[in-house]
PDB file of N, CA and C in Angstrom:
ATOM      1  N   UNK A   1       0.896  -1.105  -0.041  1.00  0.00           N
ATOM      2  CA  UNK A   1       0.032  -0.025  -0.129  1.00  0.00           C
ATOM      3  C   UNK A   1       0.858   1.352  -0.088  1.00  0.00           C
ATOM      4  N   UNK A   2       2.052   1.273   0.716  1.00  0.00           N
ATOM      5  CA  UNK A   2       3.063   2.360   0.820  1.00  0.00           C
ATOM      6  C   UNK A   2       3.476   2.564  -0.594  1.00  0.00           C
ATOM      7  N   UNK A   3       3.747   1.501  -1.228  1.00  0.00           N
ATOM      8  CA  UNK A   3       4.329   1.711  -2.655  1.00  0.00           C
ATOM      9  C   UNK A   3       3.524   2.234  -3.620  1.00  0.00           C
ATOM     10  N   UNK A   4       2.212   2.036  -3.570  1.00  0.00           N
ATOM     11  CA  UNK A   4       1.279   2.491  -4.639  1.00  0.00           C
ATOM     12  C   UNK A   4       0.778   4.028  -4.186  1.00  0.00           C
ATOM     13  N   UNK A   5       0.402   4.181  -2.945  1.00  0.00           N
ATOM     14  CA  UNK A   5      -0.098   5.458  -2.611  1.00  0.00           C
ATOM     15  C   UNK A   5       1.022   6.463  -2.186  1.00  0.00           C
ATOM     16  N   UNK A   6       2.055   6.074  -1.796  1.00  0.00           N
ATOM     17  CA  UNK A   6       2.983   6.773  -1.025  1.00  0.00           C
ATOM     18  C   UNK A   6       2.957   6.762   0.473  1.00  0.00           C
ATOM     19  N   UNK A   7       4.054   7.042   1.249  1.00  0.00           N
ATOM     20  CA  UNK A   7       3.841   6.820   2.608  1.00  0.00           C
ATOM     21  C   UNK A   7       2.971   7.940   3.297  1.00  0.00           C
ATOM     22  N   UNK A   8       3.140   9.182   2.912  1.00  0.00           N
ATOM     23  CA  UNK A   8       2.102  10.148   3.353  1.00  0.00           C
ATOM     24  C   UNK A   8       0.618   9.931   3.242  1.00  0.00           C
ATOM     25  N   UNK A   9       0.197   9.572   2.081  1.00  0.00           N
ATOM     26  CA  UNK A   9      -1.167   8.875   1.878  1.00  0.00           C
ATOM     27  C   UNK A   9      -1.637   7.820   2.584  1.00  0.00           C
ATOM     28  N   UNK A  10      -0.642   6.799   2.722  1.00  0.00           N
ATOM     29  CA  UNK A  10      -0.942   5.790   3.521  1.00  0.00           C
ATOM     30  C   UNK A  10      -1.131   5.948   4.860  1.00  0.00           C
ATOM     31  N   UNK A  11      -0.315   6.894   5.551  1.00  0.00           N
ATOM     32  CA  UNK A  11      -0.381   7.244   6.813  1.00  0.00           C
ATOM     33  C   UNK A  11      -1.658   8.145   7.182  1.00  0.00           C
ATOM     34  N   UNK A  12      -2.077   8.917   6.136  1.00  0.00           N
ATOM     35  CA  UNK A  12      -3.313   9.745   6.173  1.00  0.00           C
ATOM     36  C   UNK A  12      -4.598   8.624   6.247  1.00  0.00           C
ATOM     37  N   UNK A  13      -4.498   7.745   5.308  1.00  0.00           N
ATOM     38  CA  UNK A  13      -5.677   6.693   5.163  1.00  0.00           C
ATOM     39  C   UNK A  13      -5.672   6.002   6.401  1.00  0.00           C
ATOM     40  N   UNK A  14      -4.508   5.490   6.958  1.00  0.00           N
ATOM     41  CA  UNK A  14      -4.676   4.644   8.381  1.00  0.00           C
ATOM     42  C   UNK A  14      -5.078   5.509   9.466  1.00  0.00           C
ATOM     43  N   UNK A  15      -4.795   6.867   9.448  1.00  0.00           N
ATOM     44  CA  UNK A  15      -5.265   7.653  10.601  1.00  0.00           C
ATOM     45  C   UNK A  15      -6.740   7.821  10.298  1.00  0.00           C
ATOM     46  N   UNK A  16      -7.202   8.106   9.096  1.00  0.00           N
ATOM     47  CA  UNK A  16      -8.701   8.193   8.950  1.00  0.00           C
ATOM     48  C   UNK A  16      -9.509   6.994   9.420  1.00  0.00           C
ATOM     49  N   UNK A  17      -8.991   5.862   8.900  1.00  0.00           N
ATOM     50  CA  UNK A  17      -9.669   4.512   9.281  1.00  0.00           C
ATOM     51  C   UNK A  17      -9.626   4.252  10.810  1.00  0.00           C
ATOM     52  N   UNK A  18      -8.482   4.611  11.382  1.00  0.00           N
ATOM     53  CA  UNK A  18      -8.543   4.522  13.003  1.00  0.00           C
ATOM     54  C   UNK A  18      -9.446   5.517  13.539  1.00  0.00           C
ATOM     55  N   UNK A  19      -9.727   6.584  13.086  1.00  0.00           N
ATOM     56  CA  UNK A  19     -10.692   7.499  13.590  1.00  0.00           C
ATOM     57  C   UNK A  19     -12.066   6.851  13.441  1.00  0.00           C
ATOM     58  N   UNK A  20     -12.409   6.348  12.291  1.00  0.00           N
ATOM     59  CA  UNK A  20     -13.680   5.769  11.956  1.00  0.00           C
ATOM     60  C   UNK A  20     -13.869   4.512  12.948  1.00  0.00           C
ATOM     61  N   UNK A  21     -12.821   3.835  13.044  1.00  0.00           N
ATOM     62  CA  UNK A  21     -13.005   2.636  14.177  1.00  0.00           C
ATOM     63  C   UNK A  21     -13.136   3.081  15.518  1.00  0.00           C
ATOM     64  N   UNK A  22     -12.598   4.217  15.820  1.00  0.00           N
ATOM     65  CA  UNK A  22     -12.842   4.902  17.142  1.00  0.00           C
ATOM     66  C   UNK A  22     -14.222   5.204  17.467  1.00  0.00           C
ATOM     67  N   UNK A  23     -14.587   6.033  16.364  1.00  0.00           N
ATOM     68  CA  UNK A  23     -15.952   6.492  16.457  1.00  0.00           C
ATOM     69  C   UNK A  23     -17.038   5.483  16.559  1.00  0.00           C
ATOM     70  N   UNK A  24     -16.927   4.503  15.761  1.00  0.00           N
ATOM     71  CA  UNK A  24     -17.681   3.249  15.686  1.00  0.00           C
ATOM     72  C   UNK A  24     -17.694   2.621  17.187  1.00  0.00           C
ATOM     73  N   UNK A  25     -16.670   2.517  17.728  1.00  0.00           N
ATOM     74  CA  UNK A  25     -16.548   2.014  19.146  1.00  0.00           C
ATOM     75  C   UNK A  25     -17.135   2.812  20.200  1.00  0.00           C
ATOM     76  N   UNK A  26     -16.983   4.157  20.106  1.00  0.00           N
ATOM     77  CA  UNK A  26     -17.423   5.057  20.958  1.00  0.00           C
ATOM     78  C   UNK A  26     -18.951   5.455  20.938  1.00  0.00           C
ATOM     79  N   UNK A  27     -19.388   5.211  19.742  1.00  0.00           N
ATOM     80  CA  UNK A  27     -20.984   5.613  19.610  1.00  0.00           C
ATOM     81  C   UNK A  27     -21.673   4.269  19.533  1.00  0.00           C
ATOM     82  N   UNK A  28     -21.262   3.197  20.185  1.00  0.00           N
ATOM     83  CA  UNK A  28     -22.017   2.048  20.105  1.00  0.00           C
ATOM     84  C   UNK A  28     -23.194   1.735  20.908  1.00  0.00           C
ATOM     85  N   UNK A  29     -24.228   0.971  20.537  1.00  0.00           N
ATOM     86  CA  UNK A  29     -25.320   0.842  21.250  1.00  0.00           C
ATOM     87  C   UNK A  29     -25.644  -0.705  21.507  1.00  0.00           C
ATOM     88  N   UNK A  30     -24.888  -1.439  20.642  1.00  0.00           N
ATOM     89  CA  UNK A  30     -24.962  -2.935  20.553  1.00  0.00           C
ATOM     90  C   UNK A  30     -23.655  -3.584  20.582  1.00  0.00           C
ATOM     91  N   UNK A  31     -23.592  -4.780  20.962  1.00  0.00           N
ATOM     92  CA  UNK A  31     -22.230  -5.539  21.069  1.00  0.00           C
ATOM     93  C   UNK A  31     -21.527  -5.591  19.715  1.00  0.00           C
ATOM     94  N   UNK A  32     -22.178  -5.710  18.723  1.00  0.00           N
ATOM     95  CA  UNK A  32     -21.565  -5.826  17.339  1.00  0.00           C
ATOM     96  C   UNK A  32     -20.784  -4.681  16.969  1.00  0.00           C
ATOM     97  N   UNK A  33     -21.169  -3.366  17.182  1.00  0.00           N
ATOM     98  CA  UNK A  33     -20.792  -2.121  16.765  1.00  0.00           C
ATOM     99  C   UNK A  33     -19.272  -1.985  17.429  1.00  0.00           C
ATOM    100  N   UNK A  34     -19.030  -1.934  18.606  1.00  0.00           N
ATOM    101  CA  UNK A  34     -17.689  -1.898  19.099  1.00  0.00           C
ATOM    102  C   UNK A  34     -16.794  -2.809  18.616  1.00  0.00           C
ATOM    103  N   UNK A  35     -17.196  -4.166  18.441  1.00  0.00           N
ATOM    104  CA  UNK A  35     -16.321  -5.145  17.976  1.00  0.00           C
ATOM    105  C   UNK A  35     -15.908  -4.868  16.472  1.00  0.00           C
ATOM    106  N   UNK A  36     -16.798  -4.448  15.665  1.00  0.00           N
ATOM    107  CA  UNK A  36     -16.345  -4.030  14.254  1.00  0.00           C
ATOM    108  C   UNK A  36     -15.541  -2.770  14.402  1.00  0.00           C
ATOM    109  N   UNK A  37     -15.696  -1.752  15.310  1.00  0.00           N
ATOM    110  CA  UNK A  37     -14.971  -0.783  15.531  1.00  0.00           C
ATOM    111  C   UNK A  37     -13.559  -1.035  15.838  1.00  0.00           C
ATOM    112  N   UNK A  38     -13.302  -1.981  16.689  1.00  0.00           N
ATOM    113  CA  UNK A  38     -12.002  -2.371  17.082  1.00  0.00           C
ATOM    114  C   UNK A  38     -11.367  -3.052  16.136  1.00  0.00           C
ATOM    115  N   UNK A  39     -11.979  -3.864  15.144  1.00  0.00           N
ATOM    116  CA  UNK A  39     -11.281  -4.613  14.234  1.00  0.00           C
ATOM    117  C   UNK A  39     -10.716  -3.617  13.202  1.00  0.00           C
ATOM    118  N   UNK A  40     -11.493  -2.485  12.753  1.00  0.00           N
ATOM    119  CA  UNK A  40     -11.265  -1.421  11.942  1.00  0.00           C
ATOM    120  C   UNK A  40     -10.045  -0.622  12.518  1.00  0.00           C
ATOM    121  N   UNK A  41      -9.960  -0.520  13.819  1.00  0.00           N
ATOM    122  CA  UNK A  41      -8.954   0.145  14.400  1.00  0.00           C
ATOM    123  C   UNK A  41      -7.767  -0.620  14.421  1.00  0.00           C
ATOM    124  N   UNK A  42      -7.785  -1.862  14.660  1.00  0.00           N
ATOM    125  CA  UNK A  42      -6.627  -2.873  14.749  1.00  0.00           C
ATOM    126  C   UNK A  42      -6.064  -2.925  13.425  1.00  0.00           C
ATOM    127  N   UNK A  43      -6.951  -3.080  12.308  1.00  0.00           N
ATOM    128  CA  UNK A  43      -6.171  -3.168  10.986  1.00  0.00           C
ATOM    129  C   UNK A  43      -5.554  -1.878  10.578  1.00  0.00           C
ATOM    130  N   UNK A  44      -6.162  -0.649  10.946  1.00  0.00           N
ATOM    131  CA  UNK A  44      -5.498   0.620  10.520  1.00  0.00           C
ATOM    132  C   UNK A  44      -4.318   0.836  11.490  1.00  0.00           C
ATOM    133  N   UNK A  45      -4.395   0.323  12.598  1.00  0.00           N
ATOM    134  CA  UNK A  45      -3.009   0.449  13.601  1.00  0.00           C
ATOM    135  C   UNK A  45      -1.924  -0.250  13.107  1.00  0.00           C
ATOM    136  N   UNK A  46      -2.180  -1.531  12.496  1.00  0.00           N
ATOM    137  CA  UNK A  46      -1.102  -2.285  11.965  1.00  0.00           C
ATOM    138  C   UNK A  46      -0.504  -1.654  10.719  1.00  0.00           C
ATOM    139  N   UNK A  47      -1.317  -0.921   9.920  1.00  0.00           N
ATOM    140  CA  UNK A  47      -0.958  -0.038   8.910  1.00  0.00           C
ATOM    141  C   UNK A  47       0.155   1.093   9.314  1.00  0.00           C
ATOM    142  N   UNK A  48      -0.399   1.548  10.277  1.00  0.00           N
ATOM    143  CA  UNK A  48       0.523   2.830  10.797  1.00  0.00           C
ATOM    144  C   UNK A  48       1.828   2.143  11.551  1.00  0.00           C
ATOM    145  N   UNK A  49       1.700   1.136  12.202  1.00  0.00           N
ATOM    146  CA  UNK A  49       2.860   0.541  12.867  1.00  0.00           C
ATOM    147  C   UNK A  49       3.796   0.156  11.814  1.00  0.00           C
ATOM    148  N   UNK A  50       3.540  -0.094  10.542  1.00  0.00           N
ATOM    149  CA  UNK A  50       4.181  -0.509   9.578  1.00  0.00           C
ATOM    150  C   UNK A  50       4.825   0.813   8.846  1.00  0.00           C
ATOM    151  N   UNK A  51       4.018   1.706   8.483  1.00  0.00           N
ATOM    152  CA  UNK A  51       4.383   2.622   7.474  1.00  0.00           C
ATOM    153  C   UNK A  51       5.139   3.983   8.177  1.00  0.00           C
ATOM    154  N   UNK A  52       4.728   4.227   9.520  1.00  0.00           N
ATOM    155  CA  UNK A  52       5.448   5.528  10.135  1.00  0.00           C
ATOM    156  C   UNK A  52       6.972   5.116  10.528  1.00  0.00           C
ATOM    157  N   UNK A  53       7.168   3.993  10.855  1.00  0.00           N
ATOM    158  CA  UNK A  53       8.820   3.804  11.080  1.00  0.00           C
ATOM    159  C   UNK A  53       9.423   3.798   9.795  1.00  0.00           C
ATOM    160  N   UNK A  54       8.907   3.347   8.660  1.00  0.00           N
ATOM    161  CA  UNK A  54       9.621   3.240   7.435  1.00  0.00           C
ATOM    162  C   UNK A  54       9.741   4.720   6.907  1.00  0.00           C
ATOM    163  N   UNK A  55       8.744   5.445   7.170  1.00  0.00           N
ATOM    164  CA  UNK A  55       8.876   6.767   6.632  1.00  0.00           C
ATOM    165  C   UNK A  55       9.905   7.789   7.495  1.00  0.00           C
ATOM    166  N   UNK A  56       9.872   7.353   8.825  1.00  0.00           N
ATOM    167  CA  UNK A  56      10.925   8.081   9.578  1.00  0.00           C
ATOM    168  C   UNK A  56      12.560   7.559   9.241  1.00  0.00           C
ATOM    169  N   UNK A  57      12.410   6.242   8.988  1.00  0.00           N
ATOM    170  CA  UNK A  57      13.895   5.750   8.603  1.00  0.00           C
ATOM    171  C   UNK A  57      14.297   6.356   7.270  1.00  0.00           C
ATOM    172  N   UNK A  58      13.492   6.637   6.414  1.00  0.00           N
ATOM    173  CA  UNK A  58      13.875   7.176   5.065  1.00  0.00           C
ATOM    174  C   UNK A  58      14.001   8.552   5.266  1.00  0.00           C
ATOM    175  N   UNK A  59      13.458   9.374   5.870  1.00  0.00           N
ATOM    176  CA  UNK A  59      13.417  10.732   6.003  1.00  0.00           C
ATOM    177  C   UNK A  59      14.593  11.242   7.038  1.00  0.00           C
ATOM    178  N   UNK A  60      15.023  10.493   7.823  1.00  0.00           N
ATOM    179  CA  UNK A  60      16.015  10.958   9.042  1.00  0.00           C
ATOM    180  C   UNK A  60      17.376  10.634   8.672  1.00  0.00           C
ATOM    181  N   UNK A  61      18.263  11.395   9.315  1.00  0.00           N
ATOM    182  CA  UNK A  61      19.792  11.323   9.055  1.00  0.00           C
ATOM    183  C   UNK A  61      20.247   9.953   9.484  1.00  0.00           C
ATOM    184  N   UNK A  62      21.154   9.416   8.974  1.00  0.00           N
ATOM    185  CA  UNK A  62      21.721   7.958   9.412  1.00  0.00           C
ATOM    186  C   UNK A  62      22.044   8.047  10.851  1.00  0.00           C
ATOM    187  N   UNK A  63      22.570   9.075  11.444  1.00  0.00           N
ATOM    188  CA  UNK A  63      22.983   9.123  12.891  1.00  0.00           C
ATOM    189  C   UNK A  63      21.951   9.178  13.801  1.00  0.00           C
ATOM    190  N   UNK A  64      20.579   9.422  13.437  1.00  0.00           N
ATOM    191  CA  UNK A  64      19.496   9.576  14.304  1.00  0.00           C
ATOM    192  C   UNK A  64      18.383   8.534  13.883  1.00  0.00           C
ATOM    193  N   UNK A  65      18.628   7.750  12.778  1.00  0.00           N
ATOM    194  CA  UNK A  65      17.615   7.025  12.164  1.00  0.00           C
ATOM    195  C   UNK A  65      17.144   5.953  13.300  1.00  0.00           C
ATOM    196  N   UNK A  66      18.071   5.135  13.901  1.00  0.00           N
ATOM    197  CA  UNK A  66      17.791   4.130  14.862  1.00  0.00           C
ATOM    198  C   UNK A  66      16.935   4.774  16.107  1.00  0.00           C
ATOM    199  N   UNK A  67      17.319   5.773  16.609  1.00  0.00           N
ATOM    200  CA  UNK A  67      16.736   6.339  17.734  1.00  0.00           C
ATOM    201  C   UNK A  67      15.232   6.729  17.358  1.00  0.00           C
ATOM    202  N   UNK A  68      15.115   7.324  16.222  1.00  0.00           N
ATOM    203  CA  UNK A  68      13.737   7.711  15.946  1.00  0.00           C
ATOM    204  C   UNK A  68      12.815   6.564  15.805  1.00  0.00           C
ATOM    205  N   UNK A  69      13.299   5.506  15.176  1.00  0.00           N
ATOM    206  CA  UNK A  69      12.484   4.314  14.899  1.00  0.00           C
ATOM    207  C   UNK A  69      12.003   3.610  16.211  1.00  0.00           C
ATOM    208  N   UNK A  70      12.884   3.491  16.975  1.00  0.00           N
ATOM    209  CA  UNK A  70      12.638   2.814  18.214  1.00  0.00           C
ATOM    210  C   UNK A  70      11.833   3.663  19.263  1.00  0.00           C
ATOM    211  N   UNK A  71      12.157   4.912  19.187  1.00  0.00           N
ATOM    212  CA  UNK A  71      11.271   5.835  20.159  1.00  0.00           C
ATOM    213  C   UNK A  71       9.767   5.745  19.533  1.00  0.00           C
ATOM    214  N   UNK A  72       9.735   5.906  18.371  1.00  0.00           N
ATOM    215  CA  UNK A  72       8.273   5.820  17.682  1.00  0.00           C
ATOM    216  C   UNK A  72       7.550   4.696  18.171  1.00  0.00           C
ATOM    217  N   UNK A  73       8.232   3.454  18.113  1.00  0.00           N
ATOM    218  CA  UNK A  73       7.576   2.177  18.513  1.00  0.00           C
ATOM    219  C   UNK A  73       7.387   2.029  19.965  1.00  0.00           C
ATOM    220  N   UNK A  74       8.176   2.558  20.773  1.00  0.00           N
ATOM    221  CA  UNK A  74       8.103   2.786  22.157  1.00  0.00           C
ATOM    222  C   UNK A  74       6.802   3.508  22.595  1.00  0.00           C
ATOM    223  N   UNK A  75       6.690   4.743  21.923  1.00  0.00           N
ATOM    224  CA  UNK A  75       5.469   5.515  22.165  1.00  0.00           C
ATOM    225  C   UNK A  75       4.309   5.058  21.676  1.00  0.00           C
ATOM    226  N   UNK A  76       4.217   4.548  20.463  1.00  0.00           N
ATOM    227  CA  UNK A  76       2.979   3.945  20.068  1.00  0.00           C
ATOM    228  C   UNK A  76       2.375   2.740  20.881  1.00  0.00           C
ATOM    229  N   UNK A  77       3.449   1.663  21.154  1.00  0.00           N
ATOM    230  CA  UNK A  77       3.086   0.754  22.096  1.00  0.00           C
ATOM    231  C   UNK A  77       2.614   1.023  23.374  1.00  0.00           C
ATOM    232  N   UNK A  78       3.540   1.786  24.046  1.00  0.00           N
ATOM    233  CA  UNK A  78       3.109   2.201  25.424  1.00  0.00           C
ATOM    234  C   UNK A  78       1.793   3.067  25.468  1.00  0.00           C
ATOM    235  N   UNK A  79       1.540   3.898  24.494  1.00  0.00           N
ATOM    236  CA  UNK A  79       0.402   4.779  24.356  1.00  0.00           C
ATOM    237  C   UNK A  79      -1.018   3.916  24.357  1.00  0.00           C
ATOM    238  N   UNK A  80      -1.046   2.857  23.575  1.00  0.00           N
ATOM    239  CA  UNK A  80      -2.046   1.918  23.431  1.00  0.00           C
ATOM    240  C   UNK A  80      -2.165   1.063  24.547  1.00  0.00           C
ATOM    241  N   UNK A  81      -0.968   0.503  25.198  1.00  0.00           N
ATOM    242  CA  UNK A  81      -1.033  -0.200  26.371  1.00  0.00           C
ATOM    243  C   UNK A  81      -1.768   0.717  27.639  1.00  0.00           C
ATOM    244  N   UNK A  82      -1.276   1.797  27.710  1.00  0.00           N
ATOM    245  CA  UNK A  82      -1.752   2.599  28.681  1.00  0.00           C
ATOM    246  C   UNK A  82      -3.197   2.964  28.553  1.00  0.00           C
ATOM    247  N   UNK A  83      -3.612   3.179  27.393  1.00  0.00           N
ATOM    248  CA  UNK A  83      -5.143   3.521  27.173  1.00  0.00           C
ATOM    249  C   UNK A  83      -6.001   2.292  27.577  1.00  0.00           C
ATOM    250  N   UNK A  84      -5.730   1.183  27.063  1.00  0.00           N
ATOM    251  CA  UNK A  84      -6.232   0.002  27.439  1.00  0.00           C
ATOM    252  C   UNK A  84      -6.376  -0.456  28.797  1.00  0.00           C
ATOM    253  N   UNK A  85      -5.215  -0.115  29.389  1.00  0.00           N
ATOM    254  CA  UNK A  85      -5.198  -0.368  30.804  1.00  0.00           C
ATOM    255  C   UNK A  85      -6.068   0.600  31.658  1.00  0.00           C
ATOM    256  N   UNK A  86      -5.959   1.718  31.313  1.00  0.00           N
ATOM    257  CA  UNK A  86      -6.864   2.648  31.804  1.00  0.00           C
ATOM    258  C   UNK A  86      -8.357   2.285  31.576  1.00  0.00           C
ATOM    259  N   UNK A  87      -8.610   1.833  30.401  1.00  0.00           N
ATOM    260  CA  UNK A  87     -10.067   1.442  29.947  1.00  0.00           C
ATOM    261  C   UNK A  87     -10.414   0.334  30.863  1.00  0.00           C
ATOM    262  N   UNK A  88      -9.508  -0.806  31.464  1.00  0.00           N
ATOM    263  CA  UNK A  88      -9.960  -1.716  32.145  1.00  0.00           C
ATOM    264  C   UNK A  88     -10.400  -1.365  33.663  1.00  0.00           C
ATOM    265  N   UNK A  89      -9.780  -0.267  34.148  1.00  0.00           N
ATOM    266  CA  UNK A  89     -10.308   0.288  35.453  1.00  0.00           C
ATOM    267  C   UNK A  89     -11.354   1.508  35.487  1.00  0.00           C
ATOM    268  N   UNK A  90     -11.610   1.905  34.260  1.00  0.00           N
ATOM    269  CA  UNK A  90     -12.519   3.099  34.263  1.00  0.00           C
ATOM    270  C   UNK A  90     -13.870   2.541  34.351  1.00  0.00           C
ATOM    271  N   UNK A  91     -14.727   3.593  35.032  1.00  0.00           N
ATOM    272  CA  UNK A  91     -16.057   3.282  35.216  1.00  0.00           C
ATOM    273  C   UNK A  91     -16.854   3.557  33.788  1.00  0.00           C
ATOM    274  N   UNK A  92     -16.495   4.632  33.077  1.00  0.00           N
ATOM    275  CA  UNK A  92     -17.038   4.969  31.817  1.00  0.00           C
ATOM    276  C   UNK A  92     -16.025   4.451  30.817  1.00  0.00           C
ATOM    277  N   UNK A  93     -16.187   3.519  29.941  1.00  0.00           N
ATOM    278  CA  UNK A  93     -15.264   3.099  29.107  1.00  0.00           C
ATOM    279  C   UNK A  93     -15.155   3.988  27.781  1.00  0.00           C
ATOM    280  N   UNK A  94     -16.145   4.809  27.695  1.00  0.00           N
ATOM    281  CA  UNK A  94     -15.922   5.765  26.488  1.00  0.00           C
ATOM    282  C   UNK A  94     -14.927   6.737  26.437  1.00  0.00           C
ATOM    283  N   UNK A  95     -14.642   7.311  27.727  1.00  0.00           N
ATOM    284  CA  UNK A  95     -13.732   8.325  27.738  1.00  0.00           C
ATOM    285  C   UNK A  95     -12.142   7.791  27.401  1.00  0.00           C
ATOM    286  N   UNK A  96     -11.700   6.621  27.827  1.00  0.00           N
ATOM    287  CA  UNK A  96     -10.445   6.259  27.548  1.00  0.00           C
ATOM    288  C   UNK A  96     -10.407   5.771  26.074  1.00  0.00           C
ATOM    289  N   UNK A  97     -11.301   5.211  25.441  1.00  0.00           N
ATOM    290  CA  UNK A  97     -11.475   4.942  24.108  1.00  0.00           C
ATOM    291  C   UNK A  97     -11.314   6.166  23.078  1.00  0.00           C
ATOM    292  N   UNK A  98     -11.718   7.367  23.588  1.00  0.00           N
ATOM    293  CA  UNK A  98     -11.747   8.445  22.748  1.00  0.00           C
ATOM    294  C   UNK A  98     -10.441   9.366  22.835  1.00  0.00           C
ATOM    295  N   UNK A  99      -9.661   8.916  23.934  1.00  0.00           N
ATOM    296  CA  UNK A  99      -8.432   9.836  24.259  1.00  0.00           C
ATOM    297  C   UNK A  99      -7.363   9.559  22.911  1.00  0.00           C
ATOM    298  N   UNK A 100      -7.268   8.445  22.352  1.00  0.00           N
ATOM    299  CA  UNK A 100      -6.367   8.447  21.281  1.00  0.00           C
ATOM    300  C   UNK A 100      -6.870   9.076  19.979  1.00  0.00           C
ATOM    301  N   UNK A 101      -8.043   9.356  19.821  1.00  0.00           N
ATOM    302  CA  UNK A 101      -8.657  10.175  18.806  1.00  0.00           C
ATOM    303  C   UNK A 101      -7.952  11.383  18.600  1.00  0.00           C
ATOM    304  N   UNK A 102      -7.524  12.079  19.744  1.00  0.00           N
ATOM    305  CA  UNK A 102      -7.007  13.504  19.680  1.00  0.00           C
ATOM    306  C   UNK A 102      -5.464  13.237  18.995  1.00  0.00           C
ATOM    307  N   UNK A 103      -4.803  12.184  19.271  1.00  0.00           N
ATOM    308  CA  UNK A 103      -3.561  12.069  18.593  1.00  0.00           C
ATOM    309  C   UNK A 103      -3.771  11.765  17.081  1.00  0.00           C
ATOM    310  N   UNK A 104      -4.782  11.080  16.733  1.00  0.00           N
ATOM    311  CA  UNK A 104      -5.055  10.657  15.330  1.00  0.00           C
ATOM    312  C   UNK A 104      -5.646  11.734  14.553  1.00  0.00           C
ATOM    313  N   UNK A 105      -6.290  12.703  15.304  1.00  0.00           N
ATOM    314  CA  UNK A 105      -6.692  13.819  14.518  1.00  0.00           C
ATOM    315  C   UNK A 105      -5.448  14.957  14.268  1.00  0.00           C
ATOM    316  N   UNK A 106      -4.471  14.862  15.149  1.00  0.00           N
ATOM    317  CA  UNK A 106      -3.303  15.605  14.815  1.00  0.00           C
ATOM    318  C   UNK A 106      -2.591  14.897  13.842  1.00  0.00           C
ATOM    319  N   UNK A 107      -2.397  13.686  13.904  1.00  0.00           N
ATOM    320  CA  UNK A 107      -1.795  12.878  12.672  1.00  0.00           C
ATOM    321  C   UNK A 107      -2.396  13.214  11.455  1.00  0.00           C
ATOM    322  N   UNK A 108      -3.636  12.779  11.152  1.00  0.00           N
ATOM    323  CA  UNK A 108      -4.403  13.369   9.992  1.00  0.00           C
ATOM    324  C   UNK A 108      -4.182  14.696   9.439  1.00  0.00           C
ATOM    325  N   UNK A 109      -4.372  15.486  10.445  1.00  0.00           N
ATOM    326  CA  UNK A 109      -4.330  17.124   9.841  1.00  0.00           C
ATOM    327  C   UNK A 109      -2.840  17.355   9.446  1.00  0.00           C
ATOM    328  N   UNK A 110      -1.873  16.715  10.069  1.00  0.00           N
ATOM    329  CA  UNK A 110      -0.503  17.190   9.751  1.00  0.00           C
ATOM    330  C   UNK A 110       0.156  16.187   8.697  1.00  0.00           C
ATOM    331  N   UNK A 111      -0.629  15.368   8.258  1.00  0.00           N
ATOM    332  CA  UNK A 111       0.225  14.309   7.260  1.00  0.00           C
ATOM    333  C   UNK A 111       0.675  14.913   6.057  1.00  0.00           C
ATOM    334  N   UNK A 112       0.118  15.948   5.521  1.00  0.00           N
ATOM    335  CA  UNK A 112       0.488  16.418   4.169  1.00  0.00           C
ATOM    336  C   UNK A 112       1.435  17.572   4.591  1.00  0.00           C
ATOM    337  N   UNK A 113       1.795  17.951   5.639  1.00  0.00           N
ATOM    338  CA  UNK A 113       2.777  18.888   5.908  1.00  0.00           C
ATOM    339  C   UNK A 113       4.274  18.473   5.770  1.00  0.00           C
ATOM    340  N   UNK A 114       4.448  17.314   5.919  1.00  0.00           N
ATOM    341  CA  UNK A 114       5.795  16.871   5.910  1.00  0.00           C
ATOM    342  C   UNK A 114       6.089  16.203   4.341  1.00  0.00           C
ATOM    343  N   UNK A 115       7.430  16.189   4.078  1.00  0.00           N
ATOM    344  CA  UNK A 115       7.724  15.849   2.543  1.00  0.00           C
ATOM    345  C   UNK A 115       7.504  14.207   2.323  1.00  0.00           C
ATOM    346  N   UNK A 116       7.298  13.964   1.130  1.00  0.00           N
ATOM    347  CA  UNK A 116       7.013  12.431   0.946  1.00  0.00           C
ATOM    348  C   UNK A 116       8.477  11.872   1.065  1.00  0.00           C
ATOM    349  N   UNK A 117       8.353  10.523   1.149  1.00  0.00           N
ATOM    350  CA  UNK A 117       9.480   9.673   1.349  1.00  0.00           C
ATOM    351  C   UNK A 117      10.363   9.720   0.031  1.00  0.00           C
ATOM    352  N   UNK A 118      11.696   9.959   0.279  1.00  0.00           N
ATOM    353  CA  UNK A 118      12.574   9.910  -0.947  1.00  0.00           C
ATOM    354  C   UNK A 118      12.327   8.713  -1.927  1.00  0.00           C
ATOM    355  N   UNK A 119      12.182   7.561  -1.314  1.00  0.00           N
ATOM    356  CA  UNK A 119      12.176   6.350  -2.018  1.00  0.00           C
ATOM    357  C   UNK A 119      10.905   6.441  -3.028  1.00  0.00           C
ATOM    358  N   UNK A 120       9.819   6.934  -2.668  1.00  0.00           N
ATOM    359  CA  UNK A 120       8.677   6.811  -3.309  1.00  0.00           C
ATOM    360  C   UNK A 120       8.744   8.067  -4.556  1.00  0.00           C
ATOM    361  N   UNK A 121       9.492   9.033  -4.348  1.00  0.00           N
ATOM    362  CA  UNK A 121       9.750  10.135  -5.277  1.00  0.00           C
ATOM    363  C   UNK A 121      10.459   9.578  -6.550  1.00  0.00           C
ATOM    364  N   UNK A 122      11.423   8.820  -6.241  1.00  0.00           N
ATOM    365  CA  UNK A 122      12.452   8.099  -7.326  1.00  0.00           C
ATOM    366  C   UNK A 122      11.517   7.149  -8.195  1.00  0.00           C
ATOM    367  N   UNK A 123      11.590   7.336  -9.428  1.00  0.00           N
ATOM    368  CA  UNK A 123      10.845   6.361 -10.297  1.00  0.00           C
ATOM    369  C   UNK A 123      11.452   5.028 -10.242  1.00  0.00           C
ATOM    370  N   UNK A 124      10.670   4.014  -9.997  1.00  0.00           N
ATOM    371  CA  UNK A 124      11.476   2.519 -10.061  1.00  0.00           C
ATOM    372  C   UNK A 124      11.658   2.175 -11.390  1.00  0.00           C
ATOM    373  N   UNK A 125      12.594   1.477 -11.615  1.00  0.00           N
ATOM    374  CA  UNK A 125      12.911   0.885 -12.890  1.00  0.00           C
ATOM    375  C   UNK A 125      13.730   1.737 -13.900  1.00  0.00           C
ATOM    376  N   UNK A 126      14.128   2.846 -13.352  1.00  0.00           N
ATOM    377  CA  UNK A 126      14.878   3.807 -14.452  1.00  0.00           C
ATOM    378  C   UNK A 126      16.316   4.049 -14.022  1.00  0.00           C
TER     379      UNK A 126
END
């Protein structure tokens, strides 16, 4: 997907689908709706877990490349672990599920402010 759309558009689409999954989970009235919302969120999070480190590795200097990718993975993993841990103790489960939506709104709104990946800009096969 990153090779076809480019990493910026793929990150944008992943963020949009994550927001859709979170809205489906937070506005649920039946058991099936949060289940479908969690599935949509999980698939889009996997897309982001794959594409964001690739883009960071391609656009950062070689001296900082490893640090950026590792810190990104730590923050994404610990953020979702913290939210779902808070969710298990919270009386109202809607609030902890909506907290990550703020970060994805920032991601989606700023996805096109950054330059495209250099690998995607170079024509393949020439």
